[in-house]
């Protein structure tokens, strides 16, 4: 992921100089833990050594590639439209076109990295849990895997074929629907704006979001709405994704 974002690998597995017990992943865990607690108490905003060390450790990894991307874009004559239409798109370079400083770019890079932190582990954990709860589905999926790839594990090494294997993709989509890695998100309005819908008794009227106000939305709730997914919205049913690309209409 880091390579896709910045164009180079970040040493996230290496120990930080001067703080041998902290690495990037651990620093993210510590920082996110304190950030969660801070939601319930503004007194935890700063001034705590572990939290401050974690923030410094994360910044030590994200600021250098942000500064490099910032300088590269600022020294070139490319504009944002040409960059976004290009074949080789790096998130850091594309974002550097529209942010105001390397520090702001570093925060954008960190936001993407954190969004991907433990997401694969979360999906796998819930997939195993759900398959254990639905042994008949697990048995059928195993049968389909063996028929498609054989008993030799070497067949599963073909990532292209694996990514096109519909039963497995349906399973992953359904796990992500029921247990999204980020079930709740917040956004703060940088300027006053009007959102097209969400107000009124029907929820279809436009409403004003003022500068500085926080907007919270839950993918966990959205993915379980019966008006979108049907009466079985809370049920684990991977075949709801069969032969169909579900967009905003649900199923």
C-alpha atoms as a PDB file:
ATOM      1  CA  UNK A   1       0.000   0.000   0.000  1.00  0.00           C
ATOM      2  CA  UNK A   2       2.783   2.428   0.893  1.00  0.00           C
ATOM      3  CA  UNK A   3       4.358   1.852  -2.506  1.00  0.00           C
ATOM      4  CA  UNK A   4       1.093   2.717  -4.259  1.00  0.00           C
ATOM      5  CA  UNK A   5       0.672   5.872  -2.172  1.00  0.00           C
ATOM      6  CA  UNK A   6       4.185   7.296  -2.224  1.00  0.00           C
ATOM      7  CA  UNK A   7       6.005   5.369  -4.954  1.00  0.00           C
ATOM      8  CA  UNK A   8       8.377   3.723  -2.494  1.00  0.00           C
ATOM      9  CA  UNK A   9       8.222   1.337   0.439  1.00  0.00           C
ATOM     10  CA  UNK A  10       8.195   2.808   3.917  1.00  0.00           C
ATOM     11  CA  UNK A  11      10.310   1.107   6.622  1.00  0.00           C
ATOM     12  CA  UNK A  12       7.246   0.365   8.717  1.00  0.00           C
ATOM     13  CA  UNK A  13       8.704  -2.877  10.059  1.00  0.00           C
ATOM     14  CA  UNK A  14      11.900  -1.276  11.303  1.00  0.00           C
ATOM     15  CA  UNK A  15      12.484   0.070  14.771  1.00  0.00           C
ATOM     16  CA  UNK A  16      12.647   3.821  15.130  1.00  0.00           C
ATOM     17  CA  UNK A  17      15.994   5.338  15.960  1.00  0.00           C
ATOM     18  CA  UNK A  18      16.035   6.399  19.600  1.00  0.00           C
ATOM     19  CA  UNK A  19      12.793   4.601  20.449  1.00  0.00           C
ATOM     20  CA  UNK A  20      13.562   0.889  19.919  1.00  0.00           C
ATOM     21  CA  UNK A  21      10.285  -0.317  21.440  1.00  0.00           C
ATOM     22  CA  UNK A  22       8.163   1.653  19.007  1.00  0.00           C
ATOM     23  CA  UNK A  23       7.627   0.762  15.379  1.00  0.00           C
ATOM     24  CA  UNK A  24       5.194   2.270  12.962  1.00  0.00           C
ATOM     25  CA  UNK A  25       2.389  -0.234  13.464  1.00  0.00           C
ATOM     26  CA  UNK A  26       2.641  -0.106  17.242  1.00  0.00           C
ATOM     27  CA  UNK A  27       2.708   3.688  17.117  1.00  0.00           C
ATOM     28  CA  UNK A  28      -0.494   3.638  15.041  1.00  0.00           C
ATOM     29  CA  UNK A  29      -2.155   1.316  17.553  1.00  0.00           C
ATOM     30  CA  UNK A  30      -1.169   3.526  20.483  1.00  0.00           C
ATOM     31  CA  UNK A  31      -2.225   6.704  18.708  1.00  0.00           C
ATOM     32  CA  UNK A  32      -5.569   5.287  17.596  1.00  0.00           C
ATOM     33  CA  UNK A  33      -6.233   3.967  21.095  1.00  0.00           C
ATOM     34  CA  UNK A  34      -5.685   7.374  22.639  1.00  0.00           C
ATOM     35  CA  UNK A  35      -7.679   9.045  19.870  1.00  0.00           C
ATOM     36  CA  UNK A  36     -10.624   6.770  20.696  1.00  0.00           C
ATOM     37  CA  UNK A  37     -10.416   7.652  24.392  1.00  0.00           C
ATOM     38  CA  UNK A  38     -10.144  11.318  23.477  1.00  0.00           C
ATOM     39  CA  UNK A  39     -13.604  11.108  21.925  1.00  0.00           C
ATOM     40  CA  UNK A  40     -15.047  10.732  25.427  1.00  0.00           C
ATOM     41  CA  UNK A  41     -12.778  13.164  27.236  1.00  0.00           C
ATOM     42  CA  UNK A  42     -11.287  16.394  25.847  1.00  0.00           C
ATOM     43  CA  UNK A  43      -8.804  16.298  28.732  1.00  0.00           C
ATOM     44  CA  UNK A  44      -6.951  13.529  26.893  1.00  0.00           C
ATOM     45  CA  UNK A  45      -6.208  15.766  23.905  1.00  0.00           C
ATOM     46  CA  UNK A  46      -2.474  16.007  24.581  1.00  0.00           C
ATOM     47  CA  UNK A  47       0.174  16.072  27.266  1.00  0.00           C
ATOM     48  CA  UNK A  48       0.420  12.304  27.661  1.00  0.00           C
ATOM     49  CA  UNK A  49       3.857  10.910  26.935  1.00  0.00           C
ATOM     50  CA  UNK A  50       2.810   7.679  25.174  1.00  0.00           C
ATOM     51  CA  UNK A  51       0.369   9.481  22.919  1.00  0.00           C
ATOM     52  CA  UNK A  52       2.848  12.239  22.068  1.00  0.00           C
ATOM     53  CA  UNK A  53       5.600   9.674  21.354  1.00  0.00           C
ATOM     54  CA  UNK A  54       3.269   7.704  19.090  1.00  0.00           C
ATOM     55  CA  UNK A  55       2.334  10.847  17.150  1.00  0.00           C
ATOM     56  CA  UNK A  56       6.001  11.774  16.741  1.00  0.00           C
ATOM     57  CA  UNK A  57       6.848   8.243  15.588  1.00  0.00           C
ATOM     58  CA  UNK A  58       4.104   8.214  12.965  1.00  0.00           C
ATOM     59  CA  UNK A  59       5.107  11.654  11.717  1.00  0.00           C
ATOM     60  CA  UNK A  60       8.721  10.508  11.399  1.00  0.00           C
ATOM     61  CA  UNK A  61       7.598   7.951   8.812  1.00  0.00           C
ATOM     62  CA  UNK A  62       5.035   9.960   6.890  1.00  0.00           C
ATOM     63  CA  UNK A  63       6.640  13.403   6.655  1.00  0.00           C
ATOM     64  CA  UNK A  64       9.747  12.464   4.557  1.00  0.00           C
ATOM     65  CA  UNK A  65       7.786  10.873   1.659  1.00  0.00           C
ATOM     66  CA  UNK A  66       5.268  13.719   1.860  1.00  0.00           C
ATOM     67  CA  UNK A  67       8.049  16.289   1.594  1.00  0.00           C
ATOM     68  CA  UNK A  68       9.585  14.382  -1.318  1.00  0.00           C
ATOM     69  CA  UNK A  69       6.269  14.245  -3.216  1.00  0.00           C
ATOM     70  CA  UNK A  70       5.593  17.904  -2.425  1.00  0.00           C
ATOM     71  CA  UNK A  71       8.965  19.011  -3.788  1.00  0.00           C
ATOM     72  CA  UNK A  72       8.620  16.803  -6.870  1.00  0.00           C
ATOM     73  CA  UNK A  73       5.235  18.240  -7.808  1.00  0.00           C
ATOM     74  CA  UNK A  74       6.229  21.817  -7.033  1.00  0.00           C
ATOM     75  CA  UNK A  75       9.358  21.532  -9.182  1.00  0.00           C
ATOM     76  CA  UNK A  76       7.448  20.171 -12.192  1.00  0.00           C
ATOM     77  CA  UNK A  77       5.130  21.908 -14.630  1.00  0.00           C
ATOM     78  CA  UNK A  78       2.349  19.321 -14.380  1.00  0.00           C
ATOM     79  CA  UNK A  79      -1.086  20.417 -13.330  1.00  0.00           C
ATOM     80  CA  UNK A  80      -3.619  18.388 -11.360  1.00  0.00           C
ATOM     81  CA  UNK A  81      -5.852  17.532 -14.330  1.00  0.00           C
ATOM     82  CA  UNK A  82      -2.967  16.070 -16.341  1.00  0.00           C
ATOM     83  CA  UNK A  83      -1.674  14.178 -13.310  1.00  0.00           C
ATOM     84  CA  UNK A  84      -5.018  12.591 -12.487  1.00  0.00           C
ATOM     85  CA  UNK A  85      -5.540  11.493 -16.101  1.00  0.00           C
ATOM     86  CA  UNK A  86      -2.111   9.865 -16.228  1.00  0.00           C
ATOM     87  CA  UNK A  87      -1.384   6.183 -16.291  1.00  0.00           C
ATOM     88  CA  UNK A  88       0.871   6.005 -13.225  1.00  0.00           C
ATOM     89  CA  UNK A  89      -0.999   7.760 -10.446  1.00  0.00           C
ATOM     90  CA  UNK A  90       0.601   8.115  -7.029  1.00  0.00           C
ATOM     91  CA  UNK A  91      -1.712   9.260  -4.274  1.00  0.00           C
ATOM     92  CA  UNK A  92       0.932  11.470  -2.664  1.00  0.00           C
ATOM     93  CA  UNK A  93       1.787  13.308  -5.874  1.00  0.00           C
ATOM     94  CA  UNK A  94      -1.849  13.747  -6.908  1.00  0.00           C
ATOM     95  CA  UNK A  95      -2.773  15.050  -3.470  1.00  0.00           C
ATOM     96  CA  UNK A  96       0.248  17.357  -3.372  1.00  0.00           C
ATOM     97  CA  UNK A  97      -1.414  19.343  -6.144  1.00  0.00           C
ATOM     98  CA  UNK A  98      -4.297  20.438  -3.925  1.00  0.00           C
ATOM     99  CA  UNK A  99      -2.981  20.660  -0.345  1.00  0.00           C
ATOM    100  CA  UNK A 100      -1.274  23.676   1.178  1.00  0.00           C
ATOM    101  CA  UNK A 101       1.812  22.208   2.849  1.00  0.00           C
ATOM    102  CA  UNK A 102       3.937  19.056   3.277  1.00  0.00           C
ATOM    103  CA  UNK A 103       2.489  18.642   6.779  1.00  0.00           C
ATOM    104  CA  UNK A 104      -1.039  18.585   5.382  1.00  0.00           C
ATOM    105  CA  UNK A 105       0.050  16.080   2.736  1.00  0.00           C
ATOM    106  CA  UNK A 106       1.610  13.891   5.446  1.00  0.00           C
ATOM    107  CA  UNK A 107      -1.742  13.848   7.237  1.00  0.00           C
ATOM    108  CA  UNK A 108      -3.511  12.781   4.039  1.00  0.00           C
ATOM    109  CA  UNK A 109      -0.982   9.962   3.536  1.00  0.00           C
ATOM    110  CA  UNK A 110      -1.456   8.873   7.147  1.00  0.00           C
ATOM    111  CA  UNK A 111      -5.245   8.871   6.770  1.00  0.00           C
ATOM    112  CA  UNK A 112      -4.991   6.409   3.872  1.00  0.00           C
ATOM    113  CA  UNK A 113      -2.425   4.223   5.655  1.00  0.00           C
ATOM    114  CA  UNK A 114      -4.514   4.056   8.830  1.00  0.00           C
ATOM    115  CA  UNK A 115      -7.631   3.241   6.812  1.00  0.00           C
ATOM    116  CA  UNK A 116      -5.794   0.162   5.530  1.00  0.00           C
ATOM    117  CA  UNK A 117      -4.341  -0.808   8.916  1.00  0.00           C
ATOM    118  CA  UNK A 118      -5.606  -4.238   9.993  1.00  0.00           C
ATOM    119  CA  UNK A 119      -8.378  -4.146   7.378  1.00  0.00           C
ATOM    120  CA  UNK A 120      -7.299  -7.479   5.872  1.00  0.00           C
ATOM    121  CA  UNK A 121      -7.044  -9.054   9.323  1.00  0.00           C
ATOM    122  CA  UNK A 122     -10.501  -7.765  10.190  1.00  0.00           C
ATOM    123  CA  UNK A 123     -12.055  -9.236   7.039  1.00  0.00           C
ATOM    124  CA  UNK A 124     -10.357 -12.605   7.541  1.00  0.00           C
ATOM    125  CA  UNK A 125     -11.358 -12.771  11.213  1.00  0.00           C
ATOM    126  CA  UNK A 126     -15.024 -12.123  10.524  1.00  0.00           C
ATOM    127  CA  UNK A 127     -14.976 -14.432   7.492  1.00  0.00           C
ATOM    128  CA  UNK A 128     -13.710 -17.310   9.649  1.00  0.00           C
ATOM    129  CA  UNK A 129     -16.256 -16.475  12.357  1.00  0.00           C
ATOM    130  CA  UNK A 130     -19.177 -16.430   9.915  1.00  0.00           C
ATOM    131  CA  UNK A 131     -18.094 -19.625   8.163  1.00  0.00           C
ATOM    132  CA  UNK A 132     -17.922 -21.298  11.580  1.00  0.00           C
ATOM    133  CA  UNK A 133     -21.461 -20.124  12.297  1.00  0.00           C
ATOM    134  CA  UNK A 134     -22.716 -21.360   8.928  1.00  0.00           C
ATOM    135  CA  UNK A 135     -21.053 -24.770   8.431  1.00  0.00           C
ATOM    136  CA  UNK A 136     -23.246 -25.651   5.443  1.00  0.00           C
ATOM    137  CA  UNK A 137     -22.010 -22.561   3.594  1.00  0.00           C
ATOM    138  CA  UNK A 138     -18.431 -23.330   4.598  1.00  0.00           C
ATOM    139  CA  UNK A 139     -18.767 -26.878   3.278  1.00  0.00           C
ATOM    140  CA  UNK A 140     -20.220 -25.656  -0.022  1.00  0.00           C
ATOM    141  CA  UNK A 141     -17.489 -23.027  -0.436  1.00  0.00           C
ATOM    142  CA  UNK A 142     -14.786 -25.632   0.221  1.00  0.00           C
ATOM    143  CA  UNK A 143     -16.343 -27.899  -2.399  1.00  0.00           C
ATOM    144  CA  UNK A 144     -16.361 -25.067  -4.951  1.00  0.00           C
ATOM    145  CA  UNK A 145     -12.736 -24.169  -4.197  1.00  0.00           C
ATOM    146  CA  UNK A 146     -11.604 -27.773  -4.663  1.00  0.00           C
ATOM    147  CA  UNK A 147     -13.529 -28.076  -7.922  1.00  0.00           C
ATOM    148  CA  UNK A 148     -12.035 -24.859  -9.269  1.00  0.00           C
ATOM    149  CA  UNK A 149      -8.450 -25.160  -8.041  1.00  0.00           C
ATOM    150  CA  UNK A 150      -7.963 -28.809  -7.100  1.00  0.00           C
ATOM    151  CA  UNK A 151      -6.450 -30.268  -3.956  1.00  0.00           C
ATOM    152  CA  UNK A 152      -3.024 -28.881  -4.800  1.00  0.00           C
ATOM    153  CA  UNK A 153      -2.462 -25.594  -2.981  1.00  0.00           C
ATOM    154  CA  UNK A 154      -0.362 -24.481  -5.933  1.00  0.00           C
ATOM    155  CA  UNK A 155      -3.560 -23.704  -7.817  1.00  0.00           C
ATOM    156  CA  UNK A 156      -4.417 -21.023  -5.267  1.00  0.00           C
ATOM    157  CA  UNK A 157      -1.194 -19.197  -6.133  1.00  0.00           C
ATOM    158  CA  UNK A 158      -2.821 -17.823  -9.282  1.00  0.00           C
ATOM    159  CA  UNK A 159      -4.010 -14.504  -7.872  1.00  0.00           C
ATOM    160  CA  UNK A 160      -5.663 -13.521 -11.148  1.00  0.00           C
ATOM    161  CA  UNK A 161      -7.875 -16.613 -11.156  1.00  0.00           C
ATOM    162  CA  UNK A 162      -8.489 -16.294  -7.431  1.00  0.00           C
ATOM    163  CA  UNK A 163      -9.663 -12.693  -7.761  1.00  0.00           C
ATOM    164  CA  UNK A 164     -12.181 -13.773 -10.429  1.00  0.00           C
ATOM    165  CA  UNK A 165     -13.510 -16.693  -8.379  1.00  0.00           C
ATOM    166  CA  UNK A 166     -17.073 -15.509  -7.768  1.00  0.00           C
ATOM    167  CA  UNK A 167     -17.977 -17.569  -4.655  1.00  0.00           C
ATOM    168  CA  UNK A 168     -14.955 -16.223  -2.782  1.00  0.00           C
ATOM    169  CA  UNK A 169     -15.582 -12.655  -3.934  1.00  0.00           C
ATOM    170  CA  UNK A 170     -19.211 -12.960  -2.823  1.00  0.00           C
ATOM    171  CA  UNK A 171     -18.026 -14.106   0.598  1.00  0.00           C
ATOM    172  CA  UNK A 172     -15.661 -11.144   0.967  1.00  0.00           C
ATOM    173  CA  UNK A 173     -18.307  -8.657  -0.175  1.00  0.00           C
ATOM    174  CA  UNK A 174     -20.830 -10.018   2.309  1.00  0.00           C
ATOM    175  CA  UNK A 175     -18.317  -9.947   5.173  1.00  0.00           C
ATOM    176  CA  UNK A 176     -17.463  -6.337   4.332  1.00  0.00           C
ATOM    177  CA  UNK A 177     -21.158  -5.491   4.199  1.00  0.00           C
ATOM    178  CA  UNK A 178     -21.948  -6.915   7.624  1.00  0.00           C
ATOM    179  CA  UNK A 179     -18.695  -5.996   9.359  1.00  0.00           C
ATOM    180  CA  UNK A 180     -16.998  -3.035   7.639  1.00  0.00           C
ATOM    181  CA  UNK A 181     -13.460  -2.392   8.990  1.00  0.00           C
ATOM    182  CA  UNK A 182     -14.406   1.253   9.595  1.00  0.00           C
ATOM    183  CA  UNK A 183     -17.991   1.140  10.904  1.00  0.00           C
ATOM    184  CA  UNK A 184     -18.168   4.812  11.878  1.00  0.00           C
ATOM    185  CA  UNK A 185     -16.585   7.891  10.289  1.00  0.00           C
ATOM    186  CA  UNK A 186     -16.527  11.604  11.021  1.00  0.00           C
ATOM    187  CA  UNK A 187     -15.894  14.596   8.785  1.00  0.00           C
ATOM    188  CA  UNK A 188     -15.586  18.268   9.721  1.00  0.00           C
ATOM    189  CA  UNK A 189     -16.826  20.883   7.251  1.00  0.00           C
ATOM    190  CA  UNK A 190     -14.031  23.236   6.173  1.00  0.00           C
ATOM    191  CA  UNK A 191     -16.646  25.615   4.827  1.00  0.00           C
ATOM    192  CA  UNK A 192     -20.416  25.965   4.946  1.00  0.00           C
ATOM    193  CA  UNK A 193     -22.099  23.778   2.350  1.00  0.00           C
ATOM    194  CA  UNK A 194     -25.491  22.381   1.403  1.00  0.00           C
ATOM    195  CA  UNK A 195     -25.883  18.611   1.172  1.00  0.00           C
ATOM    196  CA  UNK A 196     -28.540  17.466  -1.327  1.00  0.00           C
ATOM    197  CA  UNK A 197     -30.463  15.208   1.053  1.00  0.00           C
ATOM    198  CA  UNK A 198     -30.696  13.995   4.621  1.00  0.00           C
ATOM    199  CA  UNK A 199     -33.094  16.466   6.253  1.00  0.00           C
ATOM    200  CA  UNK A 200     -36.848  16.473   6.739  1.00  0.00           C
ATOM    201  CA  UNK A 201     -39.075  13.673   7.981  1.00  0.00           C
ATOM    202  CA  UNK A 202     -38.400  11.676   4.825  1.00  0.00           C
ATOM    203  CA  UNK A 203     -34.650  12.263   4.915  1.00  0.00           C
ATOM    204  CA  UNK A 204     -34.718  13.426   1.321  1.00  0.00           C
ATOM    205  CA  UNK A 205     -34.584  17.190   1.867  1.00  0.00           C
ATOM    206  CA  UNK A 206     -31.345  19.206   1.540  1.00  0.00           C
ATOM    207  CA  UNK A 207     -29.685  20.555   4.678  1.00  0.00           C
ATOM    208  CA  UNK A 208     -26.997  23.054   5.577  1.00  0.00           C
ATOM    209  CA  UNK A 209     -23.738  21.898   7.140  1.00  0.00           C
ATOM    210  CA  UNK A 210     -22.028  24.905   8.679  1.00  0.00           C
ATOM    211  CA  UNK A 211     -18.281  25.475   8.769  1.00  0.00           C
ATOM    212  CA  UNK A 212     -16.731  23.657  11.722  1.00  0.00           C
ATOM    213  CA  UNK A 213     -19.652  21.290  12.247  1.00  0.00           C
ATOM    214  CA  UNK A 214     -19.007  17.551  12.415  1.00  0.00           C
ATOM    215  CA  UNK A 215     -20.833  15.077  10.221  1.00  0.00           C
ATOM    216  CA  UNK A 216     -20.944  11.469  11.429  1.00  0.00           C
ATOM    217  CA  UNK A 217     -22.007   8.542   9.268  1.00  0.00           C
ATOM    218  CA  UNK A 218     -22.093   4.820   9.929  1.00  0.00           C
ATOM    219  CA  UNK A 219     -21.368   2.284   7.203  1.00  0.00           C
ATOM    220  CA  UNK A 220     -22.356  -0.422   9.703  1.00  0.00           C
ATOM    221  CA  UNK A 221     -25.901   0.978   9.879  1.00  0.00           C
ATOM    222  CA  UNK A 222     -26.049   1.746   6.153  1.00  0.00           C
ATOM    223  CA  UNK A 223     -25.112  -1.829   5.259  1.00  0.00           C
ATOM    224  CA  UNK A 224     -27.932  -3.226   7.407  1.00  0.00           C
ATOM    225  CA  UNK A 225     -30.795  -1.013   6.249  1.00  0.00           C
ATOM    226  CA  UNK A 226     -33.787  -3.122   5.256  1.00  0.00           C
ATOM    227  CA  UNK A 227     -35.027  -0.500   2.790  1.00  0.00           C
ATOM    228  CA  UNK A 228     -31.801  -1.031   0.833  1.00  0.00           C
ATOM    229  CA  UNK A 229     -30.917  -4.685   1.399  1.00  0.00           C
ATOM    230  CA  UNK A 230     -34.291  -6.241   2.118  1.00  0.00           C
ATOM    231  CA  UNK A 231     -35.799  -7.966   5.153  1.00  0.00           C
ATOM    232  CA  UNK A 232     -32.774 -10.246   5.439  1.00  0.00           C
ATOM    233  CA  UNK A 233     -30.335  -7.326   5.753  1.00  0.00           C
ATOM    234  CA  UNK A 234     -28.926  -8.697   9.029  1.00  0.00           C
ATOM    235  CA  UNK A 235     -28.444 -12.188   7.642  1.00  0.00           C
ATOM    236  CA  UNK A 236     -25.214 -13.570   6.249  1.00  0.00           C
ATOM    237  CA  UNK A 237     -26.099 -14.459   2.668  1.00  0.00           C
ATOM    238  CA  UNK A 238     -23.145 -14.291   0.222  1.00  0.00           C
ATOM    239  CA  UNK A 239     -25.285 -15.350  -2.723  1.00  0.00           C
ATOM    240  CA  UNK A 240     -27.020 -11.941  -2.672  1.00  0.00           C
ATOM    241  CA  UNK A 241     -23.975 -10.773  -4.654  1.00  0.00           C
ATOM    242  CA  UNK A 242     -24.241 -13.511  -7.293  1.00  0.00           C
ATOM    243  CA  UNK A 243     -24.189 -12.359 -10.930  1.00  0.00           C
ATOM    244  CA  UNK A 244     -24.874  -8.810  -9.899  1.00  0.00           C
ATOM    245  CA  UNK A 245     -22.961  -5.632  -9.167  1.00  0.00           C
ATOM    246  CA  UNK A 246     -24.777  -4.051  -6.247  1.00  0.00           C
ATOM    247  CA  UNK A 247     -24.477  -0.291  -6.229  1.00  0.00           C
ATOM    248  CA  UNK A 248     -26.540   2.249  -4.310  1.00  0.00           C
ATOM    249  CA  UNK A 249     -29.785   0.385  -4.900  1.00  0.00           C
ATOM    250  CA  UNK A 250     -28.913  -2.571  -2.698  1.00  0.00           C
ATOM    251  CA  UNK A 251     -30.733  -5.846  -3.088  1.00  0.00           C
END
